[in-house]
N, C-alpha and C. Protein backbone atom coordinates (compact mmCIF):
# COMPACT_ATOMS: atom_id res chain seq x y z
N MET A 1 -227.42 138.66 131.99
CA MET A 1 -226.92 138.01 130.78
C MET A 1 -227.01 136.51 130.85
N ASP A 2 -227.78 136.34 129.62
CA ASP A 2 -228.20 134.71 129.15
C ASP A 2 -226.76 133.93 128.95
N ARG A 3 -226.68 132.80 129.42
CA ARG A 3 -225.48 131.81 129.00
C ARG A 3 -226.12 131.17 127.93
N VAL A 4 -225.61 131.03 127.02
CA VAL A 4 -225.61 130.07 125.81
C VAL A 4 -224.55 129.18 125.54
N PHE A 5 -225.07 127.92 125.88
CA PHE A 5 -224.05 126.73 125.93
C PHE A 5 -223.52 126.41 124.49
N VAL A 6 -222.65 126.04 124.34
CA VAL A 6 -222.05 125.47 122.96
C VAL A 6 -221.87 124.06 123.43
N CYS A 7 -220.85 123.80 124.37
CA CYS A 7 -220.31 122.29 124.84
C CYS A 7 -220.95 122.16 126.01
N SER A 8 -221.93 121.02 126.15
CA SER A 8 -222.67 121.14 127.26
C SER A 8 -221.71 119.93 128.02
N CYS A 9 -220.88 119.19 127.39
CA CYS A 9 -219.82 118.11 128.06
C CYS A 9 -219.20 118.90 128.88
N PHE A 10 -218.42 119.99 128.44
CA PHE A 10 -217.63 120.78 129.54
C PHE A 10 -218.12 122.23 129.88
N GLY A 11 -219.17 122.57 129.76
CA GLY A 11 -219.95 123.82 130.17
C GLY A 11 -219.40 125.01 129.36
N VAL A 12 -219.07 125.05 128.12
CA VAL A 12 -218.37 126.29 127.53
C VAL A 12 -219.53 126.87 126.79
N THR A 13 -219.23 128.26 127.11
CA THR A 13 -220.31 129.16 126.49
C THR A 13 -220.19 129.81 125.41
N GLU A 14 -220.89 130.20 124.27
CA GLU A 14 -220.68 130.97 123.37
C GLU A 14 -219.62 132.22 123.46
N GLN A 15 -219.99 132.66 124.54
CA GLN A 15 -218.98 133.93 124.89
C GLN A 15 -217.79 133.48 125.05
N GLN A 16 -217.58 132.38 125.78
CA GLN A 16 -215.97 131.83 126.07
C GLN A 16 -215.46 131.34 124.47
N VAL A 17 -216.27 130.71 123.62
CA VAL A 17 -215.64 130.56 122.60
C VAL A 17 -215.00 131.81 122.04
N LYS A 18 -215.88 132.76 121.92
CA LYS A 18 -215.87 134.16 121.08
C LYS A 18 -214.57 134.50 121.68
N GLN A 19 -214.19 134.61 123.09
CA GLN A 19 -213.11 135.21 123.86
C GLN A 19 -212.16 134.57 123.31
N HIS A 20 -211.89 133.12 123.28
CA HIS A 20 -210.65 132.52 123.23
C HIS A 20 -210.26 132.72 121.59
N ALA A 21 -211.32 132.77 120.65
CA ALA A 21 -211.01 133.47 119.58
C ALA A 21 -210.48 134.79 119.28
N GLN A 22 -211.03 135.73 120.07
CA GLN A 22 -210.28 136.81 120.28
C GLN A 22 -208.90 136.73 120.60
N ASP A 23 -208.69 135.92 121.52
CA ASP A 23 -207.39 135.72 121.90
C ASP A 23 -206.35 134.62 120.88
N GLY A 24 -206.76 134.62 119.74
CA GLY A 24 -206.16 133.89 118.71
C GLY A 24 -206.51 132.52 118.49
N ALA A 25 -207.30 131.79 119.23
CA ALA A 25 -207.75 130.17 118.71
C ALA A 25 -208.58 130.65 117.67
N CYS A 26 -208.39 129.98 116.27
CA CYS A 26 -209.37 130.23 115.16
C CYS A 26 -209.65 129.11 114.78
N THR A 27 -209.42 128.13 114.98
CA THR A 27 -209.79 126.99 114.55
C THR A 27 -210.74 126.24 115.51
N PRO A 28 -211.40 125.19 115.23
CA PRO A 28 -211.72 124.20 116.42
C PRO A 28 -210.92 123.69 117.15
N ARG A 29 -209.95 122.96 116.45
CA ARG A 29 -208.92 122.53 117.06
C ARG A 29 -208.10 123.23 118.26
N GLN A 30 -207.99 124.57 117.82
CA GLN A 30 -207.24 125.72 118.67
C GLN A 30 -208.49 125.79 119.68
N ILE A 31 -209.77 125.97 119.65
CA ILE A 31 -210.45 126.07 120.48
C ILE A 31 -210.70 124.82 121.55
N ALA A 32 -210.57 123.78 121.08
CA ALA A 32 -210.44 122.66 121.68
C ALA A 32 -208.97 122.74 122.86
N SER A 33 -208.15 122.78 122.31
CA SER A 33 -206.72 123.26 123.17
C SER A 33 -206.89 124.37 124.14
N ALA A 34 -207.85 125.33 124.00
CA ALA A 34 -208.01 126.19 124.90
C ALA A 34 -209.18 126.02 125.92
N CYS A 35 -210.19 125.05 125.71
CA CYS A 35 -211.04 124.99 126.79
C CYS A 35 -211.81 123.54 126.65
N LYS A 36 -211.31 122.68 125.73
CA LYS A 36 -211.83 121.37 125.68
C LYS A 36 -213.00 120.96 124.96
N ALA A 37 -213.69 122.14 124.71
CA ALA A 37 -214.90 121.91 123.77
C ALA A 37 -214.84 121.28 122.44
N GLY A 38 -215.62 120.30 122.36
CA GLY A 38 -215.57 119.62 120.97
C GLY A 38 -214.74 118.44 121.39
N THR A 39 -214.28 118.11 122.30
CA THR A 39 -213.27 116.80 122.61
C THR A 39 -213.64 115.90 122.99
N ASP A 40 -215.26 115.89 123.45
CA ASP A 40 -215.75 114.81 124.28
C ASP A 40 -216.72 113.96 123.15
N CYS A 41 -217.96 114.34 123.15
CA CYS A 41 -218.95 113.88 122.02
C CYS A 41 -218.80 114.59 120.86
N GLY A 42 -218.27 115.50 120.59
CA GLY A 42 -218.15 116.16 119.32
C GLY A 42 -219.40 116.77 118.57
N GLY A 43 -220.34 116.82 119.41
CA GLY A 43 -221.78 117.47 118.98
C GLY A 43 -221.71 118.93 118.82
N CYS A 44 -220.59 119.57 119.54
CA CYS A 44 -220.57 121.13 119.38
C CYS A 44 -219.79 121.58 118.11
N VAL A 45 -219.01 120.70 117.53
CA VAL A 45 -217.87 121.20 116.85
C VAL A 45 -218.27 122.14 115.68
N ARG A 46 -219.60 121.39 115.00
CA ARG A 46 -220.28 122.39 113.88
C ARG A 46 -220.42 123.99 114.36
N ARG A 47 -221.05 123.91 115.84
CA ARG A 47 -221.53 125.06 116.19
C ARG A 47 -220.21 126.02 116.38
N ILE A 48 -219.15 125.55 117.13
CA ILE A 48 -218.00 126.18 117.00
C ILE A 48 -217.36 126.66 115.70
N GLN A 49 -217.42 125.78 114.95
CA GLN A 49 -217.02 126.27 113.24
C GLN A 49 -218.09 127.26 112.95
N ALA A 50 -219.14 127.44 113.20
CA ALA A 50 -220.18 128.53 112.94
C ALA A 50 -219.85 129.65 113.44
N LEU A 51 -219.50 129.57 114.89
CA LEU A 51 -219.14 130.91 115.59
C LEU A 51 -217.81 131.28 115.03
N LEU A 52 -216.87 130.53 114.67
CA LEU A 52 -215.59 131.17 114.18
C LEU A 52 -215.77 131.53 112.84
N GLY A 53 -216.95 130.92 112.08
CA GLY A 53 -217.35 131.64 110.46
C GLY A 53 -217.85 133.01 110.54
N ARG A 54 -218.18 133.61 111.75
CA ARG A 54 -219.24 134.49 111.75
C ARG A 54 -218.39 135.76 112.55
N GLY A 55 -217.03 135.85 112.28
CA GLY A 55 -216.66 136.99 112.50
C GLY A 55 -216.16 137.18 114.02
N ALA A 56 -216.09 135.85 114.69
CA ALA A 56 -215.71 136.07 115.90
C ALA A 56 -213.85 135.95 116.35
N CYS A 57 -213.39 135.38 114.94
CA CYS A 57 -211.89 135.25 114.91
C CYS A 57 -211.46 136.42 114.38
N PRO A 58 -210.31 137.00 115.32
CA PRO A 58 -209.97 138.17 114.40
C PRO A 58 -209.22 138.23 113.04
N ARG A 59 -208.90 138.85 112.39
CA ARG A 59 -208.31 138.86 111.06
C ARG A 59 -206.70 138.02 111.04
N ARG A 60 -206.44 137.37 110.27
CA ARG A 60 -205.28 136.71 110.06
C ARG A 60 -204.09 137.60 110.67
N GLU A 61 -203.94 138.67 110.02
CA GLU A 61 -202.71 139.31 110.35
C GLU A 61 -202.69 139.88 111.71
N GLN A 62 -203.88 140.25 112.54
CA GLN A 62 -203.50 140.26 113.90
C GLN A 62 -203.27 139.18 114.63
N VAL A 63 -203.72 138.01 114.29
CA VAL A 63 -203.35 136.73 114.74
C VAL A 63 -201.94 136.38 114.51
N ALA A 64 -201.36 136.45 113.40
CA ALA A 64 -199.91 136.58 113.18
C ALA A 64 -198.94 136.96 113.86
N GLN A 65 -199.47 138.30 114.72
CA GLN A 65 -198.59 139.15 115.23
C GLN A 65 -198.41 138.51 116.98
N ARG A 66 -199.58 137.59 117.26
CA ARG A 66 -199.75 136.92 118.70
C ARG A 66 -198.93 135.87 118.69
N PRO A 67 -198.34 135.27 120.13
CA PRO A 67 -197.87 134.24 120.14
C PRO A 67 -198.83 133.03 120.04
N PRO A 68 -198.32 132.05 119.47
CA PRO A 68 -199.22 130.65 119.49
C PRO A 68 -199.85 130.41 120.62
N VAL A 69 -201.07 129.91 120.46
CA VAL A 69 -201.84 129.14 121.29
C VAL A 69 -201.30 127.98 122.32
N LEU A 70 -201.01 127.24 121.57
CA LEU A 70 -200.01 125.90 122.03
C LEU A 70 -198.76 126.29 122.87
N LEU A 71 -198.46 125.91 123.82
CA LEU A 71 -197.22 126.29 124.39
C LEU A 71 -196.13 125.40 123.60
N ALA A 72 -195.19 126.12 123.39
CA ALA A 72 -193.91 125.79 122.97
C ALA A 72 -193.36 124.74 123.51
N SER A 73 -193.09 124.70 124.67
CA SER A 73 -192.46 123.70 125.55
C SER A 73 -193.20 122.26 125.41
N ALA A 74 -194.41 122.11 124.94
CA ALA A 74 -195.26 120.99 124.81
C ALA A 74 -194.44 120.40 123.43
N VAL A 75 -194.44 121.31 122.65
CA VAL A 75 -193.81 120.79 121.29
C VAL A 75 -192.19 120.52 121.32
N GLU A 76 -191.72 121.20 122.06
CA GLU A 76 -190.34 120.88 121.81
C GLU A 76 -189.81 119.74 122.90
N ALA A 77 -190.98 119.11 123.74
CA ALA A 77 -190.44 118.15 124.61
C ALA A 77 -189.98 117.05 123.84
N PRO A 78 -188.78 116.59 124.51
CA PRO A 78 -188.08 115.24 123.84
C PRO A 78 -188.74 113.93 123.68
N VAL A 79 -188.81 113.28 122.53
CA VAL A 79 -189.47 112.25 122.48
C VAL A 79 -188.59 111.34 122.93
N ARG A 80 -189.19 110.14 124.05
CA ARG A 80 -188.73 109.02 124.49
C ARG A 80 -189.10 107.72 123.86
N ARG A 81 -188.24 106.92 123.83
CA ARG A 81 -188.66 105.74 123.30
C ARG A 81 -188.71 104.57 124.48
N LEU A 82 -189.50 103.51 124.31
CA LEU A 82 -189.47 102.47 125.45
C LEU A 82 -188.30 101.95 125.37
N GLY A 83 -187.60 101.93 126.95
CA GLY A 83 -186.55 101.29 127.03
C GLY A 83 -185.52 102.36 127.62
N ASP A 84 -185.92 103.71 126.88
CA ASP A 84 -184.85 104.78 127.26
C ASP A 84 -184.74 105.13 128.70
N ALA A 85 -183.96 105.70 129.16
CA ALA A 85 -183.62 106.18 130.83
C ALA A 85 -184.30 107.21 130.72
N ALA A 86 -184.99 107.46 132.12
CA ALA A 86 -185.74 108.52 132.40
C ALA A 86 -184.86 109.81 132.78
């Protein structure tokens, strides 16, 4: 099987992007959270957008039934200000 790289900075293949999309990552930002693709030089972002726009992402109803891609603990982490005790 041929590997078609989407992101050469992190070695992410087209198949990996499609798999992340099937797992619920439906935007370039969510793909970046899943595998870092698009976070270095940014040259692959348009390719990722094209892959997501061609049916790689499941329908929104299916995605709504799945847990979010980002971890809730990262979102709920307390905000610490400079000078606060650790």
